All heavy atoms as atom14 arrays in JSON, in Angstrom:
{
  "sequence": "LHPGFNYPPDSKKARFATEGTSRMKEYCAEHDVPCDELGVL",
  "atom14_mask": [
    [1, 1, 1, 1, 1, 1, 1, 1, 0, 0, 0, 0, 0, 0],
    [1, 1, 1, 1, 1, 1, 1, 1, 1, 1, 0, 0, 0, 0],
    [1, 1, 1, 1, 1, 1, 1, 0, 0, 0, 0, 0, 0, 0],
    [1, 1, 1, 1, 0, 0, 0, 0, 0, 0, 0, 0, 0, 0],
    [1, 1, 1, 1, 1, 1, 1, 1, 1, 1, 1, 0, 0, 0],
    [1, 1, 1, 1, 1, 1, 1, 1, 0, 0, 0, 0, 0, 0],
    [1, 1, 1, 1, 1, 1, 1, 1, 1, 1, 1, 1, 0, 0],
    [1, 1, 1, 1, 1, 1, 1, 0, 0, 0, 0, 0, 0, 0],
    [1, 1, 1, 1, 1, 1, 1, 0, 0, 0, 0, 0, 0, 0],
    [1, 1, 1, 1, 1, 1, 1, 1, 0, 0, 0, 0, 0, 0],
    [1, 1, 1, 1, 1, 1, 0, 0, 0, 0, 0, 0, 0, 0],
    [1, 1, 1, 1, 1, 1, 1, 1, 1, 0, 0, 0, 0, 0],
    [1, 1, 1, 1, 1, 1, 1, 1, 1, 0, 0, 0, 0, 0],
    [1, 1, 1, 1, 1, 0, 0, 0, 0, 0, 0, 0, 0, 0],
    [1, 1, 1, 1, 1, 1, 1, 1, 1, 1, 1, 0, 0, 0],
    [1, 1, 1, 1, 1, 1, 1, 1, 1, 1, 1, 0, 0, 0],
    [1, 1, 1, 1, 1, 0, 0, 0, 0, 0, 0, 0, 0, 0],
    [1, 1, 1, 1, 1, 1, 1, 0, 0, 0, 0, 0, 0, 0],
    [1, 1, 1, 1, 1, 1, 1, 1, 1, 0, 0, 0, 0, 0],
    [1, 1, 1, 1, 0, 0, 0, 0, 0, 0, 0, 0, 0, 0],
    [1, 1, 1, 1, 1, 1, 1, 0, 0, 0, 0, 0, 0, 0],
    [1, 1, 1, 1, 1, 1, 0, 0, 0, 0, 0, 0, 0, 0],
    [1, 1, 1, 1, 1, 1, 1, 1, 1, 1, 1, 0, 0, 0],
    [1, 1, 1, 1, 1, 1, 1, 1, 0, 0, 0, 0, 0, 0],
    [1, 1, 1, 1, 1, 1, 1, 1, 1, 0, 0, 0, 0, 0],
    [1, 1, 1, 1, 1, 1, 1, 1, 1, 0, 0, 0, 0, 0],
    [1, 1, 1, 1, 1, 1, 1, 1, 1, 1, 1, 1, 0, 0],
    [1, 1, 1, 1, 1, 1, 0, 0, 0, 0, 0, 0, 0, 0],
    [1, 1, 1, 1, 1, 0, 0, 0, 0, 0, 0, 0, 0, 0],
    [1, 1, 1, 1, 1, 1, 1, 1, 1, 0, 0, 0, 0, 0],
    [1, 1, 1, 1, 1, 1, 1, 1, 1, 1, 0, 0, 0, 0],
    [1, 1, 1, 1, 1, 1, 1, 1, 0, 0, 0, 0, 0, 0],
    [1, 1, 1, 1, 1, 1, 1, 0, 0, 0, 0, 0, 0, 0],
    [1, 1, 1, 1, 1, 1, 1, 0, 0, 0, 0, 0, 0, 0],
    [1, 1, 1, 1, 1, 1, 0, 0, 0, 0, 0, 0, 0, 0],
    [1, 1, 1, 1, 1, 1, 1, 1, 0, 0, 0, 0, 0, 0],
    [1, 1, 1, 1, 1, 1, 1, 1, 1, 0, 0, 0, 0, 0],
    [1, 1, 1, 1, 1, 1, 1, 1, 0, 0, 0, 0, 0, 0],
    [1, 1, 1, 1, 0, 0, 0, 0, 0, 0, 0, 0, 0, 0],
    [1, 1, 1, 1, 1, 1, 1, 0, 0, 0, 0, 0, 0, 0],
    [1, 1, 1, 1, 1, 1, 1, 1, 0, 0, 0, 0, 0, 0]
  ],
  "atom14_positions": [
    [[-2.02, 0.99, 5.62], [-1.82, 0.66, 4.21], [-1.75, -0.85, 4.1], [-0.85, -1.49, 4.64], [-0.53, 1.29, 3.67], [-0.43, 2.82, 3.74], [0.85, 3.29, 3.06], [-1.65, 3.48, 3.1], [0.0, 0.0, 0.0], [0.0, 0.0, 0.0], [0.0, 0.0, 0.0], [0.0, 0.0, 0.0], [0.0, 0.0, 0.0], [0.0, 0.0, 0.0]],
    [[-2.73, -1.44, 3.4], [-2.83, -2.89, 3.27], [-2.09, -3.34, 2.0], [-2.49, -2.97, 0.9], [-4.3, -3.3, 3.18], [-5.1, -2.93, 4.39], [-5.18, -3.73, 5.49], [-5.85, -1.82, 4.67], [-5.94, -3.16, 6.41], [-6.36, -1.99, 5.94], [0.0, 0.0, 0.0], [0.0, 0.0, 0.0], [0.0, 0.0, 0.0], [0.0, 0.0, 0.0]],
    [[-1.05, -4.15, 2.14], [-0.21, -4.44, 0.97], [-0.83, -5.37, -0.07], [-0.3, -5.5, -1.16], [1.04, -5.09, 1.59], [0.57, -5.65, 2.89], [-0.5, -4.72, 3.38], [0.0, 0.0, 0.0], [0.0, 0.0, 0.0], [0.0, 0.0, 0.0], [0.0, 0.0, 0.0], [0.0, 0.0, 0.0], [0.0, 0.0, 0.0], [0.0, 0.0, 0.0]],
    [[-1.94, -6.05, 0.24], [-2.64, -6.78, -0.81], [-2.64, -8.29, -0.69], [-3.07, -8.97, -1.63], [0.0, 0.0, 0.0], [0.0, 0.0, 0.0], [0.0, 0.0, 0.0], [0.0, 0.0, 0.0], [0.0, 0.0, 0.0], [0.0, 0.0, 0.0], [0.0, 0.0, 0.0], [0.0, 0.0, 0.0], [0.0, 0.0, 0.0], [0.0, 0.0, 0.0]],
    [[-2.25, -8.85, 0.44], [-2.25, -10.32, 0.57], [-3.65, -10.87, 0.81], [-3.87, -12.08, 0.66], [-1.32, -10.76, 1.7], [-1.68, -10.21, 3.06], [-2.67, -10.79, 3.83], [-1.03, -9.09, 3.55], [-3.01, -10.28, 5.07], [-1.35, -8.57, 4.8], [-2.35, -9.17, 5.55], [0.0, 0.0, 0.0], [0.0, 0.0, 0.0], [0.0, 0.0, 0.0]],
    [[-4.59, -10.02, 1.18], [-5.93, -10.5, 1.56], [-6.94, -10.42, 0.42], [-8.12, -10.57, 0.67], [-6.44, -9.69, 2.76], [-7.63, -10.35, 3.44], [-7.77, -11.57, 3.4], [-8.51, -9.56, 4.02], [0.0, 0.0, 0.0], [0.0, 0.0, 0.0], [0.0, 0.0, 0.0], [0.0, 0.0, 0.0], [0.0, 0.0, 0.0], [0.0, 0.0, 0.0]],
    [[-6.46, -10.22, -0.82], [-7.39, -10.02, -1.93], [-7.09, -11.0, -3.05], [-5.92, -11.31, -3.34], [-7.3, -8.57, -2.43], [-7.41, -7.59, -1.29], [-6.35, -6.74, -0.97], [-8.55, -7.52, -0.51], [-6.44, -5.86, 0.1], [-8.65, -6.66, 0.57], [-7.58, -5.82, 0.86], [-7.66, -4.97, 1.93], [0.0, 0.0, 0.0], [0.0, 0.0, 0.0]],
    [[-8.14, -11.52, -3.7], [-7.95, -12.53, -4.74], [-7.06, -12.02, -5.87], [-7.18, -10.87, -6.29], [-9.38, -12.79, -5.24], [-10.27, -12.35, -4.12], [-9.56, -11.21, -3.46], [0.0, 0.0, 0.0], [0.0, 0.0, 0.0], [0.0, 0.0, 0.0], [0.0, 0.0, 0.0], [0.0, 0.0, 0.0], [0.0, 0.0, 0.0], [0.0, 0.0, 0.0]],
    [[-6.15, -12.85, -6.37], [-5.3, -12.45, -7.49], [-6.13, -12.01, -8.69], [-7.21, -12.53, -8.95], [-4.51, -13.72, -7.8], [-4.51, -14.48, -6.5], [-5.83, -14.19, -5.86], [0.0, 0.0, 0.0], [0.0, 0.0, 0.0], [0.0, 0.0, 0.0], [0.0, 0.0, 0.0], [0.0, 0.0, 0.0], [0.0, 0.0, 0.0], [0.0, 0.0, 0.0]],
    [[-5.61, -11.01, -9.4], [-6.25, -10.46, -10.6], [-7.5, -9.65, -10.3], [-8.19, -9.2, -11.23], [-6.6, -11.57, -11.61], [-5.37, -12.35, -12.07], [-4.32, -11.72, -12.26], [-5.47, -13.58, -12.21], [0.0, 0.0, 0.0], [0.0, 0.0, 0.0], [0.0, 0.0, 0.0], [0.0, 0.0, 0.0], [0.0, 0.0, 0.0], [0.0, 0.0, 0.0]],
    [[-7.83, -9.43, -9.02], [-8.99, -8.61, -8.69], [-8.59, -7.14, -8.65], [-7.41, -6.79, -8.53], [-9.56, -9.01, -7.32], [-8.63, -8.7, -6.28], [0.0, 0.0, 0.0], [0.0, 0.0, 0.0], [0.0, 0.0, 0.0], [0.0, 0.0, 0.0], [0.0, 0.0, 0.0], [0.0, 0.0, 0.0], [0.0, 0.0, 0.0], [0.0, 0.0, 0.0]],
    [[-9.61, -6.27, -8.76], [-9.35, -4.83, -8.67], [-8.75, -4.49, -7.31], [-7.84, -3.67, -7.2], [-10.65, -4.05, -8.87], [-11.18, -4.05, -10.29], [-12.47, -3.25, -10.38], [-13.05, -3.25, -11.77], [-14.34, -2.49, -11.82], [0.0, 0.0, 0.0], [0.0, 0.0, 0.0], [0.0, 0.0, 0.0], [0.0, 0.0, 0.0], [0.0, 0.0, 0.0]],
    [[-9.27, -5.12, -6.26], [-8.77, -4.84, -4.92], [-7.28, -5.15, -4.82], [-6.51, -4.37, -4.24], [-9.54, -5.65, -3.88], [-10.8, -5.0, -3.36], [-11.28, -5.72, -2.12], [-12.46, -5.0, -1.49], [-12.87, -5.6, -0.22], [0.0, 0.0, 0.0], [0.0, 0.0, 0.0], [0.0, 0.0, 0.0], [0.0, 0.0, 0.0], [0.0, 0.0, 0.0]],
    [[-6.88, -6.31, -5.33], [-5.48, -6.7, -5.25], [-4.59, -5.72, -6.01], [-3.55, -5.28, -5.52], [-5.3, -8.12, -5.79], [0.0, 0.0, 0.0], [0.0, 0.0, 0.0], [0.0, 0.0, 0.0], [0.0, 0.0, 0.0], [0.0, 0.0, 0.0], [0.0, 0.0, 0.0], [0.0, 0.0, 0.0], [0.0, 0.0, 0.0], [0.0, 0.0, 0.0]],
    [[-5.02, -5.37, -7.21], [-4.2, -4.46, -8.04], [-4.1, -3.09, -7.41], [-3.01, -2.51, -7.3], [-4.81, -4.35, -9.45], [-4.03, -3.4, -10.36], [-4.48, -3.58, -11.8], [-5.85, -3.18, -12.02], [-6.21, -1.94, -12.33], [-5.3, -0.98, -12.42], [-7.48, -1.65, -12.54], [0.0, 0.0, 0.0], [0.0, 0.0, 0.0], [0.0, 0.0, 0.0]],
    [[-5.24, -2.55, -6.97], [-5.23, -1.21, -6.38], [-4.48, -1.19, -5.05], [-3.8, -0.21, -4.72], [-6.65, -0.7, -6.18], [-7.37, -0.32, -7.45], [-8.73, -0.54, -7.59], [-6.68, 0.26, -8.5], [-9.4, -0.19, -8.75], [-7.34, 0.62, -9.68], [-8.69, 0.4, -9.81], [0.0, 0.0, 0.0], [0.0, 0.0, 0.0], [0.0, 0.0, 0.0]],
    [[-4.57, -2.27, -4.26], [-3.91, -2.29, -2.95], [-2.4, -2.39, -3.09], [-1.66, -1.67, -2.41], [-4.45, -3.44, -2.1], [0.0, 0.0, 0.0], [0.0, 0.0, 0.0], [0.0, 0.0, 0.0], [0.0, 0.0, 0.0], [0.0, 0.0, 0.0], [0.0, 0.0, 0.0], [0.0, 0.0, 0.0], [0.0, 0.0, 0.0], [0.0, 0.0, 0.0]],
    [[-1.93, -3.29, -3.93], [-0.49, -3.46, -4.07], [0.15, -2.21, -4.67], [1.16, -1.71, -4.17], [-0.15, -4.68, -4.93], [-0.87, -4.61, -6.18], [-0.56, -5.97, -4.22], [0.0, 0.0, 0.0], [0.0, 0.0, 0.0], [0.0, 0.0, 0.0], [0.0, 0.0, 0.0], [0.0, 0.0, 0.0], [0.0, 0.0, 0.0], [0.0, 0.0, 0.0]],
    [[-0.46, -1.7, -5.73], [0.07, -0.47, -6.34], [-0.11, 0.71, -5.4], [0.77, 1.57, -5.28], [-0.63, -0.21, -7.67], [-0.11, 1.03, -8.39], [-0.85, 1.33, -9.68], [-1.54, 0.43, -10.21], [-0.75, 2.48, -10.15], [0.0, 0.0, 0.0], [0.0, 0.0, 0.0], [0.0, 0.0, 0.0], [0.0, 0.0, 0.0], [0.0, 0.0, 0.0]],
    [[-1.25, 0.76, -4.74], [-1.55, 1.88, -3.86], [-0.6, 1.97, -2.69], [-0.19, 3.07, -2.28], [0.0, 0.0, 0.0], [0.0, 0.0, 0.0], [0.0, 0.0, 0.0], [0.0, 0.0, 0.0], [0.0, 0.0, 0.0], [0.0, 0.0, 0.0], [0.0, 0.0, 0.0], [0.0, 0.0, 0.0], [0.0, 0.0, 0.0], [0.0, 0.0, 0.0]],
    [[-0.24, 0.83, -2.1], [0.7, 0.84, -0.97], [2.03, 1.43, -1.38], [2.59, 2.29, -0.69], [0.89, -0.59, -0.43], [-0.35, -1.07, 0.09], [1.93, -0.62, 0.67], [0.0, 0.0, 0.0], [0.0, 0.0, 0.0], [0.0, 0.0, 0.0], [0.0, 0.0, 0.0], [0.0, 0.0, 0.0], [0.0, 0.0, 0.0], [0.0, 0.0, 0.0]],
    [[2.54, 0.98, -2.51], [3.83, 1.48, -2.99], [3.77, 2.98, -3.3], [4.65, 3.76, -2.89], [4.25, 0.7, -4.24], [5.42, 1.23, -4.8], [0.0, 0.0, 0.0], [0.0, 0.0, 0.0], [0.0, 0.0, 0.0], [0.0, 0.0, 0.0], [0.0, 0.0, 0.0], [0.0, 0.0, 0.0], [0.0, 0.0, 0.0], [0.0, 0.0, 0.0]],
    [[2.73, 3.38, -4.0], [2.62, 4.8, -4.39], [2.37, 5.7, -3.2], [2.88, 6.83, -3.15], [1.52, 4.95, -5.44], [1.9, 4.38, -6.8], [0.78, 4.51, -7.81], [0.38, 5.89, -8.05], [-0.51, 6.25, -8.96], [-1.09, 5.32, -9.71], [-0.83, 7.52, -9.12], [0.0, 0.0, 0.0], [0.0, 0.0, 0.0], [0.0, 0.0, 0.0]],
    [[1.59, 5.22, -2.23], [1.32, 6.03, -1.05], [2.6, 6.3, -0.27], [2.83, 7.42, 0.21], [0.3, 5.33, -0.16], [-0.01, 6.09, 1.12], [-1.1, 7.49, 0.88], [-2.68, 6.66, 0.94], [0.0, 0.0, 0.0], [0.0, 0.0, 0.0], [0.0, 0.0, 0.0], [0.0, 0.0, 0.0], [0.0, 0.0, 0.0], [0.0, 0.0, 0.0]],
    [[3.45, 5.29, -0.13], [4.71, 5.48, 0.58], [5.57, 6.54, -0.11], [6.18, 7.41, 0.54], [5.46, 4.16, 0.69], [4.8, 3.15, 1.6], [5.52, 1.81, 1.56], [4.81, 0.77, 2.42], [5.45, -0.56, 2.31], [0.0, 0.0, 0.0], [0.0, 0.0, 0.0], [0.0, 0.0, 0.0], [0.0, 0.0, 0.0], [0.0, 0.0, 0.0]],
    [[5.62, 6.49, -1.43], [6.38, 7.49, -2.18], [5.77, 8.88, -2.01], [6.49, 9.88, -1.84], [6.43, 7.11, -3.66], [7.21, 5.84, -3.96], [7.13, 5.45, -5.43], [6.45, 6.17, -6.21], [7.72, 4.41, -5.8], [0.0, 0.0, 0.0], [0.0, 0.0, 0.0], [0.0, 0.0, 0.0], [0.0, 0.0, 0.0], [0.0, 0.0, 0.0]],
    [[4.45, 8.94, -2.07], [3.76, 10.23, -1.94], [4.0, 10.83, -0.56], [4.28, 12.03, -0.43], [2.26, 10.05, -2.18], [1.5, 11.36, -2.27], [1.33, 12.0, -3.49], [0.96, 11.96, -1.14], [0.65, 13.2, -3.59], [0.28, 13.16, -1.22], [0.13, 13.78, -2.45], [-0.53, 14.98, -2.52], [0.0, 0.0, 0.0], [0.0, 0.0, 0.0]],
    [[3.9, 10.01, 0.47], [4.1, 10.5, 1.83], [5.52, 11.02, 2.03], [5.73, 12.04, 2.68], [3.78, 9.4, 2.84], [2.02, 8.99, 2.96], [0.0, 0.0, 0.0], [0.0, 0.0, 0.0], [0.0, 0.0, 0.0], [0.0, 0.0, 0.0], [0.0, 0.0, 0.0], [0.0, 0.0, 0.0], [0.0, 0.0, 0.0], [0.0, 0.0, 0.0]],
    [[6.49, 10.31, 1.47], [7.88, 10.75, 1.59], [8.09, 12.08, 0.87], [8.78, 12.98, 1.38], [8.81, 9.68, 1.01], [0.0, 0.0, 0.0], [0.0, 0.0, 0.0], [0.0, 0.0, 0.0], [0.0, 0.0, 0.0], [0.0, 0.0, 0.0], [0.0, 0.0, 0.0], [0.0, 0.0, 0.0], [0.0, 0.0, 0.0], [0.0, 0.0, 0.0]],
    [[7.47, 12.23, -0.29], [7.62, 13.45, -1.08], [6.94, 14.65, -0.42], [7.42, 15.79, -0.52], [7.05, 13.24, -2.48], [7.17, 14.44, -3.41], [6.57, 14.19, -4.78], [6.21, 13.02, -5.07], [6.44, 15.16, -5.56], [0.0, 0.0, 0.0], [0.0, 0.0, 0.0], [0.0, 0.0, 0.0], [0.0, 0.0, 0.0], [0.0, 0.0, 0.0]],
    [[5.83, 14.41, 0.28], [5.02, 15.51, 0.84], [5.09, 15.59, 2.36], [4.28, 16.28, 2.97], [3.57, 15.35, 0.38], [3.39, 15.51, -1.11], [3.16, 16.74, -1.71], [3.42, 14.6, -2.11], [3.05, 16.56, -3.02], [3.2, 15.28, -3.29], [0.0, 0.0, 0.0], [0.0, 0.0, 0.0], [0.0, 0.0, 0.0], [0.0, 0.0, 0.0]],
    [[6.05, 14.91, 2.95], [6.28, 14.97, 4.41], [5.05, 14.55, 5.22], [4.73, 15.15, 6.24], [6.73, 16.38, 4.83], [8.08, 16.76, 4.23], [8.95, 15.88, 4.16], [8.24, 17.92, 3.82], [0.0, 0.0, 0.0], [0.0, 0.0, 0.0], [0.0, 0.0, 0.0], [0.0, 0.0, 0.0], [0.0, 0.0, 0.0], [0.0, 0.0, 0.0]],
    [[4.35, 13.54, 4.74], [3.22, 12.98, 5.47], [3.73, 11.81, 6.3], [4.41, 10.92, 5.78], [2.12, 12.5, 4.51], [0.99, 11.81, 5.26], [1.57, 13.67, 3.7], [0.0, 0.0, 0.0], [0.0, 0.0, 0.0], [0.0, 0.0, 0.0], [0.0, 0.0, 0.0], [0.0, 0.0, 0.0], [0.0, 0.0, 0.0], [0.0, 0.0, 0.0]],
    [[3.45, 11.77, 7.61], [3.93, 10.66, 8.44], [3.47, 9.31, 7.92], [2.28, 9.09, 7.67], [3.31, 10.97, 9.81], [3.11, 12.45, 9.82], [2.73, 12.79, 8.41], [0.0, 0.0, 0.0], [0.0, 0.0, 0.0], [0.0, 0.0, 0.0], [0.0, 0.0, 0.0], [0.0, 0.0, 0.0], [0.0, 0.0, 0.0], [0.0, 0.0, 0.0]],
    [[4.43, 8.4, 7.74], [4.14, 7.05, 7.25], [5.21, 6.12, 7.79], [6.39, 6.31, 7.5], [4.11, 7.03, 5.72], [3.75, 5.39, 5.01], [0.0, 0.0, 0.0], [0.0, 0.0, 0.0], [0.0, 0.0, 0.0], [0.0, 0.0, 0.0], [0.0, 0.0, 0.0], [0.0, 0.0, 0.0], [0.0, 0.0, 0.0], [0.0, 0.0, 0.0]],
    [[4.81, 5.13, 8.57], [5.75, 4.19, 9.19], [5.5, 2.79, 8.66], [4.39, 2.26, 8.79], [5.58, 4.18, 10.71], [5.91, 5.53, 11.35], [6.74, 6.27, 10.77], [5.35, 5.84, 12.41], [0.0, 0.0, 0.0], [0.0, 0.0, 0.0], [0.0, 0.0, 0.0], [0.0, 0.0, 0.0], [0.0, 0.0, 0.0], [0.0, 0.0, 0.0]],
    [[6.52, 2.2, 8.04], [6.41, 0.83, 7.54], [6.66, -0.12, 8.7], [7.8, -0.45, 9.02], [7.39, 0.59, 6.4], [7.18, -0.75, 5.71], [7.98, -0.88, 4.43], [7.55, -0.34, 3.4], [9.05, -1.51, 4.48], [0.0, 0.0, 0.0], [0.0, 0.0, 0.0], [0.0, 0.0, 0.0], [0.0, 0.0, 0.0], [0.0, 0.0, 0.0]],
    [[5.59, -0.58, 9.33], [5.68, -1.37, 10.55], [5.53, -2.86, 10.31], [6.01, -3.68, 11.09], [4.59, -0.92, 11.54], [4.65, 0.54, 12.0], [3.42, 0.87, 12.83], [5.91, 0.8, 12.79], [0.0, 0.0, 0.0], [0.0, 0.0, 0.0], [0.0, 0.0, 0.0], [0.0, 0.0, 0.0], [0.0, 0.0, 0.0], [0.0, 0.0, 0.0]],
    [[4.83, -3.23, 9.25], [4.49, -4.63, 9.03], [3.27, -5.02, 9.83], [2.88, -4.35, 10.78], [0.0, 0.0, 0.0], [0.0, 0.0, 0.0], [0.0, 0.0, 0.0], [0.0, 0.0, 0.0], [0.0, 0.0, 0.0], [0.0, 0.0, 0.0], [0.0, 0.0, 0.0], [0.0, 0.0, 0.0], [0.0, 0.0, 0.0], [0.0, 0.0, 0.0]],
    [[2.65, -6.13, 9.41], [1.46, -6.62, 10.11], [1.62, -8.11, 10.39], [2.19, -8.86, 9.57], [0.17, -6.36, 9.28], [0.2, -7.1, 7.96], [-1.07, -6.75, 10.07], [0.0, 0.0, 0.0], [0.0, 0.0, 0.0], [0.0, 0.0, 0.0], [0.0, 0.0, 0.0], [0.0, 0.0, 0.0], [0.0, 0.0, 0.0], [0.0, 0.0, 0.0]],
    [[1.14, -8.53, 11.55], [1.15, -9.92, 11.95], [-0.29, -10.42, 11.96], [-1.12, -9.93, 12.73], [1.77, -10.06, 13.34], [2.19, -11.45, 13.8], [3.41, -11.92, 13.01], [2.52, -11.44, 15.29], [0.0, 0.0, 0.0], [0.0, 0.0, 0.0], [0.0, 0.0, 0.0], [0.0, 0.0, 0.0], [0.0, 0.0, 0.0], [0.0, 0.0, 0.0]]
  ]
}
C-alpha cells in the first residue's frame, strides 16, 4: 500500500493513493485480511 508521497499534489494518483491506503487498512481490519503497517525506507 503506497501512501502517496511519490505522486504530484492534486493528481488523481495522489488522491486515490492517500485515500486508498487509509480505506484499505480499515477494510482489511473489518474483513480479517492480513495487513501489516511496516513503513517504507
